[in-house]
Amino acid sequence: MKPVLIFLMISVTAQLSTAQNVGIGTNIPTARLEVVGQGNTASTNNLMLKNLSGDTLLRMRDNGYIGIGYNAANYTRTLSLGGNGINFFVPDNGPLAGAVYPFMSSPGAYSLAINSNQNLILMQSGGNVGIGTTTPAVSLQVAGAIATAPLFASYFGTSTTVLIEVNDKSFMIVNNNTNVDKNITLSDGLADGQRLTMLVRNTGTGTINVIDNPGVNNTDIANGGTFVMGDDDTISFIWDMNAGYWIETGRSDN
């Protein structure tokens, strides 16, 4: 019996040394270790690692889903991590490209997500964001200064009317570098409540004129009339989605 066993061991060792590939569930492994599961769905496991207490440390389903330190019998995300509650969605699986869930949250109650448009979303109850503070009391609380990159707009030529494309900006620096006064029209805001501050830095002798004419210039300014803006003058607006124009909230005539 011993000679037979020794012969088998030598044969297996020789085959492993020659092929150098090990197959589980397949007799033609194409990698150093190839494991073929029982199916191709989430109902069967391809690989499992457990500790002595029977807790699942690592589980790979036959559909490619992986759980690390995650002992729930079922999970439907590409990667599920127990304890810290981080989950990553398949990129095209529904409206979210990725999400972070609080530990033991109910299904759908994600805290932080990135949708298919690459927008960052906070959805948990409370959902406040703190920058420089760990106890934000409102949707966004910043302990420090806030600065936004300006939109620079310079206007040449002899035209007396100009359209300023606001887009997603909240601060713009406008330069009239001619000797012709310019009457401005602002494009629509993108969201109700969008804020906009405009600073004039003229290099010419012409002015920037903001006219109280919502139907034509998209601006509703205080006390009506026209605000003639020279160098270093400012005016601020808020976008009223229902009204469909910018409403002045303040100005400085410097």
Protein backbone atom coordinates (compact mmCIF):
# COMPACT_ATOMS: atom_id res chain seq x y z
CA MET A 1 0.00 0.00 0.00
CA LYS A 2 2.81 2.37 0.87
CA PRO A 3 4.53 1.99 -2.52
CA VAL A 4 1.20 2.80 -4.25
CA LEU A 5 0.65 5.87 -2.08
CA ILE A 6 4.20 7.05 -2.69
CA PHE A 7 3.73 6.53 -6.41
CA LEU A 8 0.48 8.59 -6.39
CA MET A 9 2.14 11.40 -4.45
CA ILE A 10 5.06 11.43 -6.87
CA SER A 11 2.63 11.46 -9.82
CA VAL A 12 0.55 14.33 -8.41
CA THR A 13 3.66 16.29 -7.51
CA ALA A 14 5.06 15.75 -10.98
CA GLN A 15 1.81 16.88 -12.61
CA LEU A 16 1.63 20.01 -10.43
CA SER A 17 5.25 20.80 -11.13
CA THR A 18 4.69 20.37 -14.86
CA ALA A 19 1.32 22.10 -15.26
CA GLN A 20 1.67 24.52 -12.32
CA ASN A 21 -2.09 25.17 -12.54
CA VAL A 22 -4.63 23.98 -9.96
CA GLY A 23 -8.29 23.57 -10.80
CA ILE A 24 -11.26 23.28 -8.43
CA GLY A 25 -14.42 22.38 -10.28
CA THR A 26 -12.48 22.06 -13.54
CA ASN A 27 -9.91 19.63 -14.88
CA ILE A 28 -8.47 22.13 -17.36
CA PRO A 29 -7.43 25.14 -15.25
CA THR A 30 -6.04 28.05 -17.26
CA ALA A 31 -4.58 29.94 -14.29
CA ARG A 32 -2.41 29.10 -11.29
CA LEU A 33 -5.66 28.60 -9.37
CA GLU A 34 -9.01 28.41 -11.13
CA VAL A 35 -12.25 27.83 -9.23
CA VAL A 36 -15.42 27.07 -11.17
CA GLY A 37 -18.59 27.57 -9.15
CA GLN A 38 -21.93 25.82 -9.17
CA GLY A 39 -23.76 28.36 -11.29
CA ASN A 40 -23.75 32.00 -12.41
CA THR A 41 -26.23 33.70 -10.08
CA ALA A 42 -26.24 35.17 -6.57
CA SER A 43 -27.93 32.04 -5.19
CA THR A 44 -24.68 30.04 -5.07
CA ASN A 45 -21.25 30.74 -3.64
CA ASN A 46 -17.99 30.44 -5.53
CA LEU A 47 -15.63 31.06 -2.61
CA MET A 48 -16.10 31.40 1.17
CA LEU A 49 -13.68 32.00 4.04
CA LYS A 50 -14.87 31.61 7.65
CA ASN A 51 -13.36 31.84 11.11
CA LEU A 52 -13.71 29.25 13.89
CA SER A 53 -16.93 30.90 15.08
CA GLY A 54 -18.55 30.36 11.69
CA ASP A 55 -18.55 34.03 10.76
CA THR A 56 -18.14 34.64 7.05
CA LEU A 57 -15.01 36.70 6.43
CA LEU A 58 -15.07 36.62 2.64
CA ARG A 59 -17.80 35.44 0.30
CA MET A 60 -17.83 35.53 -3.50
CA ARG A 61 -21.08 34.75 -5.26
CA ASP A 62 -21.19 33.02 -8.62
CA ASN A 63 -22.44 36.26 -10.18
CA GLY A 64 -19.27 38.11 -9.11
CA TYR A 65 -20.61 39.89 -6.02
CA ILE A 66 -18.17 40.02 -3.11
CA GLY A 67 -18.82 40.39 0.61
CA ILE A 68 -16.03 41.18 3.09
CA GLY A 69 -16.88 40.92 6.79
CA TYR A 70 -20.51 40.94 5.73
CA ASN A 71 -22.50 38.04 7.21
CA ALA A 72 -25.92 38.69 5.72
CA ALA A 73 -27.16 35.79 3.60
CA ASN A 74 -28.20 38.04 0.74
CA TYR A 75 -26.71 41.17 -0.79
CA THR A 76 -27.21 42.74 -4.20
CA ARG A 77 -24.24 45.07 -4.56
CA THR A 78 -20.93 44.48 -6.30
CA LEU A 79 -18.99 44.96 -3.07
CA SER A 80 -20.41 44.95 0.45
CA LEU A 81 -18.24 45.71 3.46
CA GLY A 82 -19.47 44.93 6.96
CA GLY A 83 -18.94 47.23 9.91
CA ASN A 84 -18.22 50.45 8.08
CA GLY A 85 -21.23 50.03 5.83
CA ILE A 86 -19.70 51.08 2.51
CA ASN A 87 -21.47 49.77 -0.60
CA PHE A 88 -20.63 50.24 -4.27
CA PHE A 89 -23.26 49.82 -6.94
CA VAL A 90 -22.71 48.43 -10.39
CA PRO A 91 -22.21 51.60 -12.53
CA ASP A 92 -25.32 51.09 -14.65
CA ASN A 93 -27.51 49.52 -11.97
CA GLY A 94 -30.25 52.11 -11.53
CA PRO A 95 -29.74 55.84 -10.98
CA LEU A 96 -26.70 55.56 -8.69
CA ALA A 97 -23.11 54.92 -9.72
CA GLY A 98 -21.96 54.54 -6.12
CA ALA A 99 -23.31 54.93 -2.61
CA VAL A 100 -22.26 54.93 1.04
CA TYR A 101 -24.70 53.44 3.52
CA PRO A 102 -24.66 53.91 7.30
CA PHE A 103 -24.21 50.65 9.21
CA MET A 104 -27.42 48.62 9.55
CA SER A 105 -29.46 51.14 7.54
CA SER A 106 -32.73 50.20 5.91
CA PRO A 107 -32.67 49.48 2.16
CA GLY A 108 -32.50 52.65 0.13
CA ALA A 109 -31.41 54.84 3.05
CA TYR A 110 -28.03 55.76 1.65
CA SER A 111 -26.11 58.64 3.23
CA LEU A 112 -23.88 59.63 0.34
CA ALA A 113 -24.22 58.78 -3.33
CA ILE A 114 -22.89 59.63 -6.77
CA ASN A 115 -25.54 59.40 -9.47
CA SER A 116 -25.11 58.61 -13.15
CA ASN A 117 -24.54 62.32 -13.88
CA GLN A 118 -21.62 62.36 -11.41
CA ASN A 119 -23.56 64.57 -8.99
CA LEU A 120 -22.81 64.16 -5.28
CA ILE A 121 -25.96 63.60 -3.21
CA LEU A 122 -26.69 63.49 0.53
CA MET A 123 -29.96 61.73 1.31
CA GLN A 124 -30.00 60.61 4.95
CA SER A 125 -32.39 62.17 7.43
CA GLY A 126 -30.65 65.28 8.72
CA GLY A 127 -28.17 65.15 5.87
CA ASN A 128 -26.32 68.29 7.00
CA VAL A 129 -22.85 69.01 5.70
CA GLY A 130 -20.21 70.59 7.90
CA ILE A 131 -16.96 72.10 6.65
CA GLY A 132 -14.70 72.93 9.57
CA THR A 133 -17.37 71.79 12.02
CA THR A 134 -18.56 68.37 13.22
CA THR A 135 -21.99 69.65 14.31
CA PRO A 136 -23.64 71.36 11.31
CA ALA A 137 -27.08 72.65 12.27
CA VAL A 138 -28.23 73.52 8.74
CA SER A 139 -27.93 71.89 5.33
CA LEU A 140 -24.50 73.46 4.78
CA GLN A 141 -22.52 75.07 7.58
CA VAL A 142 -19.03 76.41 6.94
CA ALA A 143 -16.68 77.48 9.71
CA GLY A 144 -14.54 79.76 7.62
CA ALA A 145 -14.61 81.77 4.42
CA ILE A 146 -16.25 80.77 1.14
CA ALA A 147 -14.75 81.77 -2.20
CA THR A 148 -16.03 81.09 -5.71
CA ALA A 149 -14.15 81.32 -8.99
CA PRO A 150 -15.46 84.30 -10.97
CA LEU A 151 -16.76 84.39 -14.50
CA PHE A 152 -14.74 86.98 -16.40
CA ALA A 153 -16.69 88.77 -19.12
CA SER A 154 -15.14 91.45 -21.31
CA TYR A 155 -17.08 93.34 -23.96
CA PHE A 156 -15.68 94.93 -27.10
CA GLY A 157 -17.25 96.57 -30.12
CA THR A 158 -19.88 99.23 -30.60
CA SER A 159 -23.02 97.25 -29.65
CA THR A 160 -24.95 98.83 -26.78
CA THR A 161 -26.55 95.55 -25.62
CA VAL A 162 -24.78 92.44 -24.31
CA LEU A 163 -26.00 89.06 -23.04
CA ILE A 164 -24.14 87.58 -20.07
CA GLU A 165 -24.33 83.78 -19.82
CA VAL A 166 -24.52 83.10 -16.07
CA ASN A 167 -24.70 79.26 -16.18
CA ASP A 168 -23.59 77.80 -12.83
CA LYS A 169 -21.59 80.83 -11.67
CA SER A 170 -22.36 82.90 -8.58
CA PHE A 171 -19.72 85.60 -9.04
CA MET A 172 -18.75 87.47 -12.18
CA ILE A 173 -16.36 90.28 -13.05
CA VAL A 174 -17.57 92.36 -15.99
CA ASN A 175 -15.31 94.62 -18.02
CA ASN A 176 -16.50 97.22 -20.53
CA ASN A 177 -13.28 98.06 -22.34
CA THR A 178 -14.87 100.43 -24.80
CA ASN A 179 -16.16 103.99 -24.72
CA VAL A 180 -19.71 102.77 -25.41
CA ASP A 181 -22.19 102.27 -22.55
CA LYS A 182 -23.45 98.65 -22.39
CA ASN A 183 -26.96 97.57 -21.33
CA ILE A 184 -26.77 94.01 -20.00
CA THR A 185 -29.18 91.08 -20.12
CA LEU A 186 -28.62 88.08 -17.86
CA SER A 187 -29.34 84.51 -18.94
CA ASP A 188 -31.69 82.40 -16.81
CA GLY A 189 -30.55 80.92 -13.53
CA LEU A 190 -30.26 77.15 -13.20
CA ALA A 191 -32.08 76.67 -9.89
CA ASP A 192 -34.51 78.57 -7.70
CA GLY A 193 -32.57 80.68 -5.21
CA GLN A 194 -29.32 80.77 -7.20
CA ARG A 195 -27.24 83.76 -6.07
CA LEU A 196 -25.24 86.06 -8.31
CA THR A 197 -22.92 88.96 -7.53
CA MET A 198 -21.53 91.10 -10.33
CA LEU A 199 -18.44 93.30 -9.96
CA VAL A 200 -17.60 95.87 -12.62
CA ARG A 201 -13.97 96.48 -13.55
CA ASN A 202 -14.06 98.77 -16.57
CA THR A 203 -10.93 99.51 -18.55
CA GLY A 204 -12.78 101.82 -20.95
CA THR A 205 -14.81 104.94 -20.26
CA GLY A 206 -18.13 103.24 -21.01
CA THR A 207 -20.46 102.04 -18.24
CA ILE A 208 -22.32 98.79 -17.49
CA ASN A 209 -26.04 99.48 -17.16
CA VAL A 210 -28.48 97.21 -15.31
CA ILE A 211 -32.04 98.06 -16.32
CA ASP A 212 -35.25 97.31 -14.42
CA ASN A 213 -36.96 95.37 -17.21
CA PRO A 214 -37.67 91.70 -16.31
CA GLY A 215 -39.33 90.95 -19.64
CA VAL A 216 -36.41 92.14 -21.76
CA ASN A 217 -33.26 92.20 -19.65
CA ASN A 218 -34.23 89.46 -17.16
CA THR A 219 -33.53 91.80 -14.24
CA ASP A 220 -35.80 93.32 -11.60
CA ILE A 221 -33.84 95.97 -9.71
CA ALA A 222 -34.75 97.98 -6.63
CA ASN A 223 -36.57 101.29 -7.13
CA GLY A 224 -36.83 100.66 -10.88
CA GLY A 225 -34.95 102.68 -13.43
CA THR A 226 -31.34 101.93 -14.35
CA PHE A 227 -28.29 101.26 -12.20
CA VAL A 228 -25.33 102.80 -14.03
CA MET A 229 -22.27 100.84 -12.90
CA GLY A 230 -18.78 102.21 -13.03
CA ASP A 231 -15.47 100.76 -11.90
CA ASP A 232 -15.68 98.73 -8.62
CA ASP A 233 -19.49 98.96 -8.38
CA THR A 234 -21.33 95.75 -7.43
CA ILE A 235 -24.87 94.39 -7.64
CA SER A 236 -26.29 91.12 -6.27
CA PHE A 237 -29.27 89.06 -7.42
CA ILE A 238 -31.29 85.99 -6.56
CA TRP A 239 -32.95 83.87 -9.27
CA ASP A 240 -36.72 83.52 -8.86
CA MET A 241 -37.69 80.42 -10.81
CA ASN A 242 -41.42 81.12 -10.50
CA ALA A 243 -41.12 84.71 -11.74
CA GLY A 244 -38.50 83.78 -14.32
CA TYR A 245 -36.02 86.60 -13.71
CA TRP A 246 -33.22 87.88 -11.44
CA ILE A 247 -34.27 90.01 -8.45
CA GLU A 248 -31.84 92.49 -6.92
CA THR A 249 -30.85 91.88 -3.30
CA GLY A 250 -28.27 94.63 -2.88
CA ARG A 251 -25.73 96.94 -4.49
CA SER A 252 -22.74 99.12 -3.79
CA ASP A 253 -22.09 102.34 -5.69
CA ASN A 254 -18.38 102.95 -5.24
